[in-house]
Amino acid sequence: MTKKQSLLTDLKKTTASLEKVLKLPESEINRDASIQRFEFTFELSWKLMQELVADVKKGAYGPRTVIREAANIELISNPKKWLYFLDKRNLTVHTYNEAMAKEMYQVAKEFISHVKNLTKQVKEYLS
């Protein structure tokens, strides 16, 4: 299994895990779990994008650059939304309060469709 395939497999697992917690009734514990799973899933998403972008553009480092380049090779269709998710992920790493947790719960719900589209595009790209 290649590194790209391994990252894709892991991304599918973390996406399923995020989806699972988001289907549970909203509670403080479930919100916190969804934030953690959102972070894992986002990290795997951009790391996978980075691996694929490296095939066509060497030296694309950092999530902002990688997200823009991933859009250029049509792995993602909405780089502005992915940059928004990056900003939200950065916020969760440095800040925690109840209002932010409630907001991030909604962000995680929105994120699911974007990461599923990414996995679909990656499958097509790798085949």
N, C-alpha and C. Protein backbone atom coordinates (compact mmCIF):
# COMPACT_ATOMS: atom_id res chain seq x y z
N MET A 1 0.85 -1.18 0.00
CA MET A 1 0.00 0.00 0.00
C MET A 1 0.90 1.24 0.00
N THR A 2 0.61 2.16 -0.90
CA THR A 2 1.39 3.39 -0.97
C THR A 2 1.00 4.33 0.17
N LYS A 3 1.83 5.34 0.38
CA LYS A 3 1.53 6.34 1.40
C LYS A 3 0.20 7.03 1.10
N LYS A 4 -0.04 7.32 -0.17
CA LYS A 4 -1.29 7.98 -0.56
C LYS A 4 -2.49 7.09 -0.25
N GLN A 5 -2.37 5.82 -0.58
CA GLN A 5 -3.47 4.89 -0.31
C GLN A 5 -3.70 4.73 1.19
N SER A 6 -2.61 4.70 1.94
CA SER A 6 -2.72 4.58 3.39
C SER A 6 -3.40 5.81 4.00
N LEU A 7 -3.01 6.99 3.52
CA LEU A 7 -3.65 8.22 4.00
C LEU A 7 -5.14 8.24 3.64
N LEU A 8 -5.47 7.79 2.44
CA LEU A 8 -6.87 7.74 2.02
C LEU A 8 -7.66 6.78 2.90
N THR A 9 -7.10 5.62 3.18
CA THR A 9 -7.76 4.65 4.06
C THR A 9 -7.99 5.25 5.45
N ASP A 10 -6.95 5.88 5.99
CA ASP A 10 -7.08 6.52 7.31
C ASP A 10 -8.11 7.64 7.28
N LEU A 11 -8.13 8.40 6.20
CA LEU A 11 -9.09 9.50 6.08
C LEU A 11 -10.52 8.96 6.07
N LYS A 12 -10.74 7.88 5.37
CA LYS A 12 -12.08 7.28 5.35
C LYS A 12 -12.50 6.85 6.76
N LYS A 13 -11.55 6.29 7.51
CA LYS A 13 -11.86 5.85 8.88
C LYS A 13 -12.17 7.03 9.79
N THR A 14 -11.37 8.08 9.71
CA THR A 14 -11.63 9.23 10.58
C THR A 14 -12.91 9.95 10.19
N THR A 15 -13.21 9.97 8.90
CA THR A 15 -14.47 10.57 8.44
C THR A 15 -15.66 9.80 9.00
N ALA A 16 -15.58 8.48 8.94
CA ALA A 16 -16.66 7.65 9.49
C ALA A 16 -16.79 7.86 11.00
N SER A 17 -15.67 8.01 11.67
CA SER A 17 -15.68 8.24 13.11
C SER A 17 -16.31 9.60 13.44
N LEU A 18 -15.97 10.61 12.67
CA LEU A 18 -16.57 11.94 12.85
C LEU A 18 -18.06 11.88 12.59
N GLU A 19 -18.43 11.23 11.52
CA GLU A 19 -19.85 11.11 11.17
C GLU A 19 -20.63 10.39 12.28
N LYS A 20 -20.01 9.38 12.84
CA LYS A 20 -20.66 8.60 13.90
C LYS A 20 -20.97 9.48 15.11
N VAL A 21 -20.00 10.27 15.55
CA VAL A 21 -20.24 11.11 16.73
C VAL A 21 -21.23 12.23 16.42
N LEU A 22 -21.27 12.69 15.19
CA LEU A 22 -22.20 13.76 14.83
C LEU A 22 -23.65 13.25 14.75
N LYS A 23 -23.83 11.95 14.64
CA LYS A 23 -25.18 11.38 14.62
C LYS A 23 -25.75 11.19 16.03
N LEU A 24 -24.88 11.26 17.03
CA LEU A 24 -25.33 11.13 18.41
C LEU A 24 -26.02 12.41 18.86
N PRO A 25 -26.86 12.32 19.89
CA PRO A 25 -27.49 13.54 20.40
C PRO A 25 -26.43 14.55 20.85
N GLU A 26 -26.67 15.81 20.57
CA GLU A 26 -25.70 16.84 20.94
C GLU A 26 -25.61 16.95 22.46
N SER A 27 -24.40 16.87 22.96
CA SER A 27 -24.11 17.04 24.38
C SER A 27 -22.70 17.60 24.48
N GLU A 28 -22.31 18.01 25.66
CA GLU A 28 -20.97 18.56 25.84
C GLU A 28 -19.90 17.54 25.44
N ILE A 29 -20.07 16.32 25.87
CA ILE A 29 -19.09 15.26 25.56
C ILE A 29 -19.05 14.98 24.06
N ASN A 30 -20.22 14.90 23.43
CA ASN A 30 -20.26 14.62 21.99
C ASN A 30 -19.71 15.79 21.18
N ARG A 31 -19.94 17.01 21.64
CA ARG A 31 -19.35 18.18 20.95
C ARG A 31 -17.83 18.12 21.03
N ASP A 32 -17.33 17.83 22.24
CA ASP A 32 -15.88 17.75 22.41
C ASP A 32 -15.28 16.64 21.55
N ALA A 33 -15.95 15.51 21.50
CA ALA A 33 -15.48 14.40 20.66
C ALA A 33 -15.51 14.80 19.19
N SER A 34 -16.54 15.52 18.78
CA SER A 34 -16.64 15.92 17.37
C SER A 34 -15.52 16.90 17.00
N ILE A 35 -15.16 17.78 17.93
CA ILE A 35 -14.07 18.73 17.67
C ILE A 35 -12.76 17.97 17.48
N GLN A 36 -12.49 17.02 18.36
CA GLN A 36 -11.26 16.23 18.25
C GLN A 36 -11.23 15.45 16.94
N ARG A 37 -12.32 14.86 16.58
CA ARG A 37 -12.38 14.08 15.34
C ARG A 37 -12.32 14.98 14.11
N PHE A 38 -12.89 16.16 14.20
CA PHE A 38 -12.76 17.14 13.12
C PHE A 38 -11.28 17.48 12.91
N GLU A 39 -10.57 17.73 14.01
CA GLU A 39 -9.14 18.05 13.91
C GLU A 39 -8.37 16.93 13.22
N PHE A 40 -8.57 15.68 13.67
CA PHE A 40 -7.88 14.54 13.05
C PHE A 40 -8.20 14.44 11.57
N THR A 41 -9.47 14.57 11.25
CA THR A 41 -9.92 14.42 9.86
C THR A 41 -9.38 15.53 8.99
N PHE A 42 -9.37 16.75 9.51
CA PHE A 42 -8.82 17.86 8.74
C PHE A 42 -7.33 17.64 8.49
N GLU A 43 -6.60 17.24 9.50
CA GLU A 43 -5.16 17.02 9.35
C GLU A 43 -4.86 15.96 8.30
N LEU A 44 -5.58 14.86 8.35
CA LEU A 44 -5.38 13.82 7.33
C LEU A 44 -5.76 14.32 5.94
N SER A 45 -6.79 15.14 5.86
CA SER A 45 -7.23 15.68 4.57
C SER A 45 -6.12 16.49 3.91
N TRP A 46 -5.56 17.41 4.65
CA TRP A 46 -4.56 18.26 4.00
C TRP A 46 -3.25 17.52 3.78
N LYS A 47 -2.93 16.56 4.64
CA LYS A 47 -1.72 15.75 4.42
C LYS A 47 -1.87 14.90 3.15
N LEU A 48 -3.06 14.37 2.93
CA LEU A 48 -3.32 13.61 1.70
C LEU A 48 -3.24 14.54 0.49
N MET A 49 -3.84 15.70 0.59
CA MET A 49 -3.74 16.69 -0.49
C MET A 49 -2.28 17.00 -0.79
N GLN A 50 -1.48 17.17 0.26
CA GLN A 50 -0.07 17.50 0.09
C GLN A 50 0.66 16.41 -0.70
N GLU A 51 0.39 15.16 -0.37
CA GLU A 51 1.02 14.05 -1.10
C GLU A 51 0.65 14.07 -2.58
N LEU A 52 -0.59 14.35 -2.88
CA LEU A 52 -1.05 14.35 -4.27
C LEU A 52 -0.56 15.58 -5.03
N VAL A 53 -0.55 16.71 -4.37
CA VAL A 53 -0.06 17.95 -4.99
C VAL A 53 1.42 17.80 -5.33
N ALA A 54 2.17 17.07 -4.50
CA ALA A 54 3.60 16.88 -4.74
C ALA A 54 3.88 16.19 -6.08
N ASP A 55 2.90 15.46 -6.60
CA ASP A 55 3.06 14.82 -7.90
C ASP A 55 3.21 15.84 -9.03
N VAL A 56 2.60 16.99 -8.86
CA VAL A 56 2.61 17.99 -9.93
C VAL A 56 3.34 19.27 -9.57
N LYS A 57 3.51 19.53 -8.29
CA LYS A 57 4.19 20.76 -7.88
C LYS A 57 5.05 20.48 -6.66
N LYS A 58 6.33 20.48 -6.87
CA LYS A 58 7.27 20.27 -5.77
C LYS A 58 7.33 21.54 -4.93
N GLY A 59 7.55 21.36 -3.66
CA GLY A 59 7.73 22.50 -2.77
C GLY A 59 6.45 23.15 -2.28
N ALA A 60 5.32 22.47 -2.41
CA ALA A 60 4.07 23.02 -1.88
C ALA A 60 3.96 22.57 -0.42
N TYR A 61 4.30 23.47 0.48
CA TYR A 61 4.29 23.16 1.91
C TYR A 61 3.32 24.06 2.63
N GLY A 62 2.84 23.57 3.73
CA GLY A 62 1.89 24.32 4.54
C GLY A 62 0.48 24.16 4.02
N PRO A 63 -0.47 24.10 4.92
CA PRO A 63 -1.84 23.81 4.50
C PRO A 63 -2.45 24.85 3.56
N ARG A 64 -2.16 26.12 3.72
CA ARG A 64 -2.75 27.13 2.83
C ARG A 64 -2.31 26.94 1.39
N THR A 65 -1.02 26.74 1.20
CA THR A 65 -0.49 26.52 -0.15
C THR A 65 -1.04 25.22 -0.73
N VAL A 66 -1.04 24.19 0.08
CA VAL A 66 -1.51 22.88 -0.38
C VAL A 66 -2.98 22.94 -0.78
N ILE A 67 -3.79 23.63 0.00
CA ILE A 67 -5.22 23.75 -0.32
C ILE A 67 -5.41 24.46 -1.65
N ARG A 68 -4.68 25.54 -1.86
CA ARG A 68 -4.80 26.26 -3.14
C ARG A 68 -4.37 25.38 -4.31
N GLU A 69 -3.27 24.66 -4.15
CA GLU A 69 -2.79 23.79 -5.22
C GLU A 69 -3.73 22.59 -5.43
N ALA A 70 -4.33 22.10 -4.37
CA ALA A 70 -5.30 21.00 -4.51
C ALA A 70 -6.49 21.44 -5.35
N ALA A 71 -6.88 22.69 -5.21
CA ALA A 71 -7.97 23.22 -6.04
C ALA A 71 -7.52 23.30 -7.50
N ASN A 72 -6.26 23.67 -7.72
CA ASN A 72 -5.74 23.77 -9.08
C ASN A 72 -5.75 22.43 -9.82
N ILE A 73 -5.56 21.34 -9.08
CA ILE A 73 -5.59 20.02 -9.72
C ILE A 73 -6.94 19.32 -9.50
N GLU A 74 -7.92 20.10 -9.07
CA GLU A 74 -9.32 19.67 -8.96
C GLU A 74 -9.57 18.55 -7.95
N LEU A 75 -8.76 18.53 -6.89
CA LEU A 75 -9.05 17.61 -5.79
C LEU A 75 -10.18 18.17 -4.93
N ILE A 76 -10.23 19.50 -4.84
CA ILE A 76 -11.30 20.18 -4.10
C ILE A 76 -11.88 21.26 -5.00
N SER A 77 -13.15 21.57 -4.78
CA SER A 77 -13.80 22.55 -5.64
C SER A 77 -13.98 23.91 -4.97
N ASN A 78 -13.79 23.97 -3.65
CA ASN A 78 -14.04 25.21 -2.93
C ASN A 78 -12.89 25.51 -1.97
N PRO A 79 -11.76 26.02 -2.48
CA PRO A 79 -10.63 26.27 -1.60
C PRO A 79 -10.93 27.29 -0.50
N LYS A 80 -11.81 28.25 -0.77
CA LYS A 80 -12.16 29.23 0.28
C LYS A 80 -12.80 28.53 1.48
N LYS A 81 -13.62 27.55 1.22
CA LYS A 81 -14.26 26.81 2.31
C LYS A 81 -13.22 26.00 3.08
N TRP A 82 -12.29 25.39 2.36
CA TRP A 82 -11.23 24.63 3.02
C TRP A 82 -10.33 25.55 3.85
N LEU A 83 -10.07 26.75 3.37
CA LEU A 83 -9.29 27.71 4.15
C LEU A 83 -10.07 28.13 5.40
N TYR A 84 -11.38 28.24 5.28
CA TYR A 84 -12.25 28.50 6.43
C TYR A 84 -12.12 27.37 7.45
N PHE A 85 -12.17 26.12 6.97
CA PHE A 85 -12.02 24.98 7.87
C PHE A 85 -10.64 25.00 8.54
N LEU A 86 -9.61 25.38 7.80
CA LEU A 86 -8.27 25.51 8.37
C LEU A 86 -8.27 26.54 9.49
N ASP A 87 -8.86 27.69 9.25
CA ASP A 87 -8.91 28.73 10.29
C ASP A 87 -9.65 28.23 11.53
N LYS A 88 -10.73 27.51 11.31
CA LYS A 88 -11.50 26.96 12.44
C LYS A 88 -10.69 25.91 13.18
N ARG A 89 -9.97 25.07 12.44
CA ARG A 89 -9.11 24.07 13.08
C ARG A 89 -8.04 24.74 13.91
N ASN A 90 -7.44 25.80 13.38
CA ASN A 90 -6.42 26.54 14.14
C ASN A 90 -7.01 27.13 15.41
N LEU A 91 -8.23 27.60 15.34
CA LEU A 91 -8.90 28.17 16.50
C LEU A 91 -9.10 27.11 17.58
N THR A 92 -9.48 25.90 17.19
CA THR A 92 -9.74 24.85 18.18
C THR A 92 -8.46 24.43 18.90
N VAL A 93 -7.34 24.55 18.24
CA VAL A 93 -6.08 24.16 18.84
C VAL A 93 -5.66 25.13 19.94
N HIS A 94 -6.04 26.40 19.79
CA HIS A 94 -5.56 27.44 20.71
C HIS A 94 -6.61 28.00 21.65
N THR A 95 -7.87 27.71 21.42
CA THR A 95 -8.95 28.32 22.20
C THR A 95 -10.00 27.27 22.51
N TYR A 96 -10.56 27.37 23.71
CA TYR A 96 -11.72 26.53 24.00
C TYR A 96 -12.66 27.28 24.92
N ASN A 97 -13.90 27.35 24.51
CA ASN A 97 -14.97 27.83 25.37
C ASN A 97 -16.27 27.23 24.85
N GLU A 98 -17.31 27.36 25.62
CA GLU A 98 -18.59 26.72 25.27
C GLU A 98 -19.14 27.22 23.94
N ALA A 99 -19.07 28.53 23.72
CA ALA A 99 -19.61 29.09 22.47
C ALA A 99 -18.84 28.56 21.26
N MET A 100 -17.51 28.49 21.39
CA MET A 100 -16.69 27.97 20.30
C MET A 100 -17.01 26.50 20.06
N ALA A 101 -17.21 25.74 21.12
CA ALA A 101 -17.52 24.31 20.98
C ALA A 101 -18.83 24.12 20.23
N LYS A 102 -19.82 24.92 20.55
CA LYS A 102 -21.11 24.81 19.86
C LYS A 102 -20.97 25.18 18.39
N GLU A 103 -20.19 26.22 18.11
CA GLU A 103 -19.96 26.62 16.72
C GLU A 103 -19.22 25.52 15.96
N MET A 104 -18.19 24.96 16.59
CA MET A 104 -17.39 23.93 15.92
C MET A 104 -18.20 22.67 15.65
N TYR A 105 -19.16 22.39 16.47
CA TYR A 105 -20.03 21.25 16.24
C TYR A 105 -20.75 21.41 14.91
N GLN A 106 -21.22 22.62 14.64
CA GLN A 106 -21.90 22.90 13.36
C GLN A 106 -20.90 22.90 12.20
N VAL A 107 -19.71 23.43 12.43
CA VAL A 107 -18.67 23.43 11.40
C VAL A 107 -18.32 21.99 11.02
N ALA A 108 -18.20 21.13 12.00
CA ALA A 108 -17.87 19.72 11.74
C ALA A 108 -18.95 19.06 10.89
N LYS A 109 -20.20 19.39 11.15
CA LYS A 109 -21.30 18.85 10.34
C LYS A 109 -21.17 19.29 8.88
N GLU A 110 -20.82 20.54 8.70
CA GLU A 110 -20.65 21.08 7.34
C GLU A 110 -19.43 20.47 6.64
N PHE A 111 -18.40 20.20 7.41
CA PHE A 111 -17.14 19.68 6.89
C PHE A 111 -17.30 18.31 6.24
N ILE A 112 -18.19 17.49 6.78
CA ILE A 112 -18.36 16.11 6.30
C ILE A 112 -18.54 16.04 4.79
N SER A 113 -19.41 16.85 4.23
CA SER A 113 -19.65 16.76 2.78
C SER A 113 -18.41 17.13 1.98
N HIS A 114 -17.63 18.07 2.49
CA HIS A 114 -16.42 18.49 1.79
C HIS A 114 -15.36 17.39 1.81
N VAL A 115 -15.21 16.75 2.93
CA VAL A 115 -14.20 15.69 3.01
C VAL A 115 -14.64 14.47 2.21
N LYS A 116 -15.93 14.20 2.15
CA LYS A 116 -16.41 13.09 1.31
C LYS A 116 -16.16 13.39 -0.16
N ASN A 117 -16.36 14.62 -0.57
CA ASN A 117 -16.04 15.00 -1.95
C ASN A 117 -14.55 14.84 -2.23
N LEU A 118 -13.72 15.21 -1.25
CA LEU A 118 -12.28 15.04 -1.41
C LEU A 118 -11.95 13.56 -1.61
N THR A 119 -12.49 12.69 -0.78
CA THR A 119 -12.15 11.26 -0.92
C THR A 119 -12.60 10.72 -2.28
N LYS A 120 -13.74 11.19 -2.75
CA LYS A 120 -14.22 10.78 -4.08
C LYS A 120 -13.23 11.23 -5.16
N GLN A 121 -12.80 12.48 -5.09
CA GLN A 121 -11.86 13.01 -6.08
C GLN A 121 -10.51 12.29 -6.01
N VAL A 122 -10.07 11.98 -4.80
CA VAL A 122 -8.79 11.28 -4.63
C VAL A 122 -8.87 9.88 -5.24
N LYS A 123 -9.97 9.18 -5.01
CA LYS A 123 -10.14 7.85 -5.62
C LYS A 123 -10.02 7.94 -7.13
N GLU A 124 -10.69 8.92 -7.72
CA GLU A 124 -10.62 9.10 -9.18
C GLU A 124 -9.20 9.45 -9.61
N TYR A 125 -8.54 10.30 -8.85
CA TYR A 125 -7.17 10.73 -9.16
C TYR A 125 -6.21 9.55 -9.14
N LEU A 126 -6.39 8.67 -8.17
CA LEU A 126 -5.48 7.53 -8.01
C LEU A 126 -5.77 6.38 -8.97
N SER A 127 -6.94 6.37 -9.57
CA SER A 127 -7.27 5.24 -10.46
C SER A 127 -6.83 5.49 -11.89
